[in-house]
Structure formats: C-alpha cells, structure tokens
Amino acid sequence: MKHLFSAIEVLITFSLFSFTFAQDIPEHPIIKPYPGSVLAKNMSKYQNFGEFEFTIQDKTTNKKENKKVQGKYWHLLWEVRKANGDRVQNISKVEFLQNFKNAALQAGGEVLYEDQLYLHFRIPRASGGYSWCRVHTNAWLGHVYMTIIDEKCFKQSIVFAADQLKAALDKDGKILLYGIYFDTDKSTLKPESEKQLSQIVALMLKYPTLHLEIQGHTDNQGQPSYNMNLSNSVLKL
C-alpha cells in the first residue's frame, strides 16, 4: 500500500502543477472567441515565440501555398457553453466560420483560405505586422480551435565569433547566419544587423586568404520576378 500511495501522490502533484501552468494563458488582444465560449486551459498553449504554417490561396489561380509565420504563439481550444455549463451543440460549422470571417473583414483583415473545415485569415495590428489565425471547429462538440501568431522578427541571441565561424566553415564548408535584417521591400540593411556583420568582417580580416561565397534570398511574398530584382539589388551593394 505504501508504494501505491506514493504513486497516487506523484500523480496528484503532477496534475496540480499542470493545472497551475495552464492558468498562465493570456487571451489574444484582438482575435476573440465565439460568444459564450470558455477556454479549455488544459488543452491550450501560449509561447512567447513559436511558428505555424498558414495556407494562402491565390484568388485568381486558386493555387495554394503554405507560409510559415513566426512570433507570439497561441493554440486555444474554446468550448461554447450554456449558463448551466452544458456545451452548446446546435451551432453549425458554417455559422462558426462565417462569424469569424465577417469579424476579420470588419477589422480590416483578409481571408487567406477557407473550406468546409478551416478558415485562415490575418488582421493588421496597429503596432505593425499581422495577427495570423487558423480556425477549426468541431461544431457537434461546441469546440473551436484557434491557432494564432502575432508575427514578429526573430531576435537573434547568439552571434558567432570569427574563430567559431572559421571552425564551422572548416567542418561543414558552410554556415547559416541569422540576425541580418533588411528593411521591408528594400535592399537597405537595418542597424541591428551590424553585430553579426562585424563578426564576418573580423573573420575576413583574420583570414585574408579565405574565399567566401555569400548567398541569401527574399521571402515568398510578392511576384518571383520582382523578388529576383530585389535580390539582384542586394548583390550590387
């Protein structure tokens, strides 16, 4: 009996810890749930920085592509409940999704993709960037799943020194460098890129016989021909 009690005690402790952790999930400041919804905190998650792939469908060609977006991350499960706590199960998928679609458009957003199960949209934020959202519903359960990303640039925390860069080049023949940023739709570097670029300069000064090839690319927004011209303008710097 002593061993059984210990096992139960551990399970209870873990459950209490999980419940406490689940309490720290903030609601999204812009994208709100269906009226009467209650957050299932044990099935929801929030991260200061995460990523998710949203579907974008071209309105002219109907071609679909996935775009990975990074930033503040919410995965929320909302349950629509009555005053007595019972789930509301008579709301159709069409009604759920149409409500979110209309709300997004009224907020100045745009619908990126929709079908009978999913709705993908994004809403511009006053501070800049977009709040991206995917809505999925199990209407017969009164469930609405919302995955939201408040888009923002990744903040690089690690910068390699010249010797570390050289060791990585000797080992793998290439290095993937982050923390080098350009202004949107321009070939001008942002000031925060200086820290990483200074290490590349230090590498070249310390190893003057080193031959380097530098590669980069634009993101997948915009027309390929336009992005190619933008990339070429960077190469001329």
Protein backbone atom coordinates (compact mmCIF):
# COMPACT_ATOMS: atom_id res chain seq x y z
CA MET A 1 0.00 0.00 0.00
CA LYS A 2 2.87 2.37 0.66
CA HIS A 3 4.06 2.19 -2.97
CA LEU A 4 0.52 2.70 -4.26
CA PHE A 5 0.10 5.82 -2.11
CA SER A 6 3.39 7.23 -3.41
CA ALA A 7 2.30 6.74 -6.99
CA ILE A 8 -1.01 8.46 -6.36
CA GLU A 9 0.75 11.31 -4.60
CA VAL A 10 3.04 11.86 -7.60
CA LEU A 11 0.09 11.87 -9.99
CA ILE A 12 -1.81 14.39 -7.88
CA THR A 13 1.26 16.63 -7.64
CA PHE A 14 1.74 16.48 -11.41
CA SER A 15 -1.93 17.28 -12.05
CA LEU A 16 -1.77 20.28 -9.74
CA PHE A 17 1.37 21.51 -11.49
CA SER A 18 -0.27 21.12 -14.90
CA PHE A 19 -3.34 23.00 -13.76
CA THR A 20 -1.25 25.86 -12.37
CA PHE A 21 0.79 26.07 -15.57
CA ALA A 22 -2.33 26.09 -17.73
CA GLN A 23 -3.62 29.14 -15.88
CA ASP A 24 -0.93 31.34 -17.45
CA ILE A 25 -2.51 31.53 -20.92
CA PRO A 26 -3.42 35.06 -21.98
CA GLU A 27 -6.30 35.64 -24.35
CA HIS A 28 -5.42 37.21 -27.66
CA PRO A 29 -5.90 41.01 -27.53
CA ILE A 30 -7.56 41.27 -30.97
CA ILE A 31 -8.99 37.91 -32.07
CA LYS A 32 -11.81 36.99 -29.73
CA PRO A 33 -13.76 33.72 -29.33
CA TYR A 34 -17.38 32.96 -30.21
CA PRO A 35 -19.76 34.49 -27.61
CA GLY A 36 -20.32 32.23 -24.61
CA SER A 37 -17.01 30.41 -25.06
CA VAL A 38 -14.92 29.11 -22.18
CA LEU A 39 -11.18 28.44 -22.64
CA ALA A 40 -10.12 24.82 -22.09
CA LYS A 41 -6.83 25.79 -20.45
CA ASN A 42 -5.50 22.24 -20.09
CA MET A 43 -5.77 21.85 -23.89
CA SER A 44 -4.44 25.29 -24.82
CA LYS A 45 -0.94 26.68 -25.11
CA TYR A 46 0.89 30.02 -25.31
CA GLN A 47 4.54 30.69 -26.22
CA ASN A 48 6.48 33.95 -26.46
CA PHE A 49 7.93 32.73 -29.76
CA GLY A 50 6.65 29.90 -31.94
CA GLU A 51 5.76 29.16 -35.55
CA PHE A 52 2.90 27.82 -37.63
CA GLU A 53 2.19 27.27 -41.33
CA PHE A 54 -0.84 29.07 -42.72
CA THR A 55 -2.46 28.34 -46.07
CA ILE A 56 -2.75 31.11 -48.65
CA GLN A 57 -4.86 30.63 -51.78
CA ASP A 58 -4.38 32.88 -54.79
CA LYS A 59 -7.76 34.41 -55.63
CA THR A 60 -7.02 34.38 -59.37
CA THR A 61 -5.43 30.99 -59.95
CA ASN A 62 -6.74 29.20 -56.80
CA LYS A 63 -3.21 27.91 -56.29
CA LYS A 64 -2.47 27.16 -52.63
CA GLU A 65 0.78 27.57 -50.78
CA ASN A 66 1.84 27.35 -47.15
CA LYS A 67 3.59 30.22 -45.41
CA LYS A 68 5.48 29.68 -42.16
CA VAL A 69 4.91 32.57 -39.75
CA GLN A 70 6.85 33.16 -36.52
CA GLY A 71 6.06 35.23 -33.47
CA LYS A 72 3.91 35.08 -30.35
CA TYR A 73 2.02 31.80 -30.48
CA TRP A 74 -1.43 30.81 -29.20
CA HIS A 75 -3.16 27.47 -29.63
CA LEU A 76 -6.55 27.88 -27.97
CA LEU A 77 -9.44 25.47 -27.52
CA TRP A 78 -12.70 27.29 -26.85
CA GLU A 79 -15.86 25.47 -25.73
CA VAL A 80 -19.21 27.22 -26.20
CA ARG A 81 -21.27 26.56 -23.06
CA LYS A 82 -24.68 27.40 -21.67
CA ALA A 83 -25.20 29.13 -18.33
CA ASN A 84 -25.54 25.71 -16.65
CA GLY A 85 -22.18 24.56 -18.05
CA ASP A 86 -23.55 22.27 -20.79
CA ARG A 87 -21.95 22.54 -24.20
CA VAL A 88 -23.84 24.27 -26.99
CA GLN A 89 -24.06 21.73 -29.79
CA ASN A 90 -26.55 23.29 -32.21
CA ILE A 91 -24.19 25.80 -33.90
CA SER A 92 -23.20 24.69 -37.39
CA LYS A 93 -19.70 24.83 -38.86
CA VAL A 94 -20.96 27.34 -41.41
CA GLU A 95 -22.20 29.67 -38.66
CA PHE A 96 -18.96 29.37 -36.68
CA LEU A 97 -16.67 30.05 -39.63
CA GLN A 98 -18.85 32.78 -41.16
CA ASN A 99 -18.82 34.68 -37.86
CA PHE A 100 -15.02 34.64 -37.69
CA LYS A 101 -14.74 35.54 -41.38
CA ASN A 102 -17.04 38.56 -41.02
CA ALA A 103 -15.26 39.72 -37.86
CA ALA A 104 -11.86 39.51 -39.60
CA LEU A 105 -13.08 41.53 -42.59
CA GLN A 106 -14.72 44.15 -40.35
CA ALA A 107 -11.36 44.57 -38.58
CA GLY A 108 -9.66 45.34 -41.91
CA GLY A 109 -8.28 41.83 -42.30
CA GLU A 110 -8.22 39.48 -45.26
CA VAL A 111 -9.27 35.88 -45.74
CA LEU A 112 -6.33 33.80 -46.93
CA TYR A 113 -8.01 30.41 -47.32
CA GLU A 114 -11.31 28.75 -46.44
CA ASP A 115 -13.04 25.44 -46.92
CA GLN A 116 -15.66 23.42 -45.03
CA LEU A 117 -13.30 22.73 -42.11
CA TYR A 118 -10.79 25.58 -41.86
CA LEU A 119 -10.57 29.33 -42.11
CA HIS A 120 -7.21 31.13 -42.42
CA PHE A 121 -7.09 34.91 -42.12
CA ARG A 122 -4.83 37.73 -40.97
CA ILE A 123 -5.55 41.11 -39.38
CA PRO A 124 -3.19 44.12 -39.41
CA ARG A 125 -2.05 45.30 -35.98
CA ALA A 126 -1.79 48.98 -35.03
CA SER A 127 1.80 48.39 -33.91
CA GLY A 128 2.73 46.92 -37.31
CA GLY A 129 2.70 43.41 -38.77
CA TYR A 130 -0.20 40.99 -38.75
CA SER A 131 -2.06 38.69 -36.42
CA TRP A 132 -2.45 35.43 -38.35
CA CYS A 133 -5.16 32.95 -37.40
CA ARG A 134 -6.42 29.50 -38.35
CA VAL A 135 -9.87 28.50 -37.10
CA HIS A 136 -11.06 24.88 -36.99
CA THR A 137 -14.29 23.70 -35.42
CA ASN A 138 -15.94 20.53 -34.18
CA ALA A 139 -19.43 22.01 -34.15
CA TRP A 140 -21.10 18.90 -32.70
CA LEU A 141 -18.93 19.34 -29.60
CA GLY A 142 -19.20 23.11 -29.44
CA HIS A 143 -15.42 23.25 -29.97
CA VAL A 144 -13.44 25.95 -31.76
CA TYR A 145 -9.67 25.56 -32.17
CA MET A 146 -7.76 28.76 -32.87
CA THR A 147 -4.08 28.89 -33.78
CA ILE A 148 -2.79 32.46 -33.75
CA ILE A 149 0.60 34.01 -34.49
CA ASP A 150 1.41 37.65 -33.83
CA GLU A 151 4.07 37.99 -36.49
CA LYS A 152 7.41 39.49 -35.48
CA CYS A 153 11.05 39.16 -36.47
CA PHE A 154 13.12 36.56 -34.72
CA LYS A 155 15.55 38.16 -32.26
CA GLN A 156 18.95 36.54 -32.62
CA SER A 157 20.50 35.77 -29.23
CA ILE A 158 23.69 34.03 -30.41
CA VAL A 159 26.40 35.64 -32.56
CA PHE A 160 29.39 33.54 -33.55
CA ALA A 161 32.89 34.98 -33.16
CA ALA A 162 35.41 34.87 -36.01
CA ASP A 163 37.16 31.72 -34.76
CA GLN A 164 33.86 29.92 -34.34
CA LEU A 165 32.85 30.86 -37.87
CA LYS A 166 36.15 29.55 -39.22
CA ALA A 167 35.81 26.28 -37.31
CA ALA A 168 32.29 25.80 -38.67
CA LEU A 169 33.48 26.50 -42.23
CA ASP A 170 36.34 24.01 -41.88
CA LYS A 171 33.96 21.38 -40.56
CA ASP A 172 30.89 21.76 -42.79
CA GLY A 173 32.00 24.05 -45.61
CA LYS A 174 29.09 26.42 -44.99
CA ILE A 175 27.38 28.45 -42.25
CA LEU A 176 23.78 29.55 -41.85
CA LEU A 177 23.79 33.03 -40.33
CA TYR A 178 20.82 34.74 -38.74
CA GLY A 179 20.39 38.24 -37.34
CA ILE A 180 20.98 40.07 -40.64
CA TYR A 181 17.88 42.10 -41.45
CA PHE A 182 16.77 44.28 -44.36
CA ASP A 183 14.06 46.92 -44.40
CA THR A 184 10.84 45.56 -45.88
CA ASP A 185 10.80 45.74 -49.68
CA LYS A 186 14.24 47.40 -49.71
CA SER A 187 17.89 46.43 -50.04
CA THR A 188 18.98 48.59 -47.09
CA LEU A 189 20.32 46.86 -44.00
CA LYS A 190 18.82 47.51 -40.59
CA PRO A 191 21.15 48.79 -37.81
CA GLU A 192 20.65 45.62 -35.73
CA SER A 193 22.46 43.65 -38.46
CA GLU A 194 25.76 45.33 -37.57
CA LYS A 195 26.59 42.96 -34.72
CA GLN A 196 26.53 39.86 -36.91
CA LEU A 197 28.15 41.57 -39.90
CA SER A 198 31.05 42.79 -37.76
CA GLN A 199 31.92 39.18 -36.98
CA ILE A 200 32.04 38.36 -40.70
CA VAL A 201 34.35 41.33 -41.23
CA ALA A 202 36.54 40.10 -38.35
CA LEU A 203 36.66 36.65 -39.98
CA MET A 204 37.81 38.10 -43.32
CA LEU A 205 40.43 40.30 -41.68
CA LYS A 206 41.83 37.46 -39.59
CA TYR A 207 41.92 35.02 -42.52
CA PRO A 208 42.67 37.23 -45.56
CA THR A 209 43.26 34.25 -47.89
CA LEU A 210 39.79 32.88 -47.20
CA HIS A 211 37.45 32.87 -50.22
CA LEU A 212 33.77 33.25 -49.33
CA GLU A 213 30.55 32.95 -51.30
CA ILE A 214 27.61 34.73 -49.69
CA GLN A 215 24.08 33.61 -50.53
CA GLY A 216 20.69 34.94 -49.47
CA HIS A 217 17.10 35.10 -50.59
CA THR A 218 13.88 37.06 -50.22
CA ASP A 219 10.80 35.57 -48.58
CA ASN A 220 7.96 34.14 -50.68
CA GLN A 221 5.76 37.24 -50.67
CA GLY A 222 5.33 39.08 -53.96
CA GLN A 223 5.95 38.02 -57.56
CA PRO A 224 9.07 35.90 -58.30
CA SER A 225 10.32 38.36 -60.94
CA TYR A 226 10.04 41.29 -58.54
CA ASN A 227 11.82 39.37 -55.77
CA MET A 228 14.61 38.43 -58.18
CA ASN A 229 15.20 42.11 -59.00
CA LEU A 230 15.20 42.92 -55.30
CA SER A 231 17.76 40.17 -54.66
CA ASN A 232 19.95 41.45 -57.50
CA SER A 233 19.89 44.94 -55.99
CA VAL A 234 21.27 43.45 -52.77
CA LEU A 235 24.12 41.77 -54.67
CA LYS A 236 25.18 45.17 -56.06
CA LEU A 237 25.73 46.60 -52.58
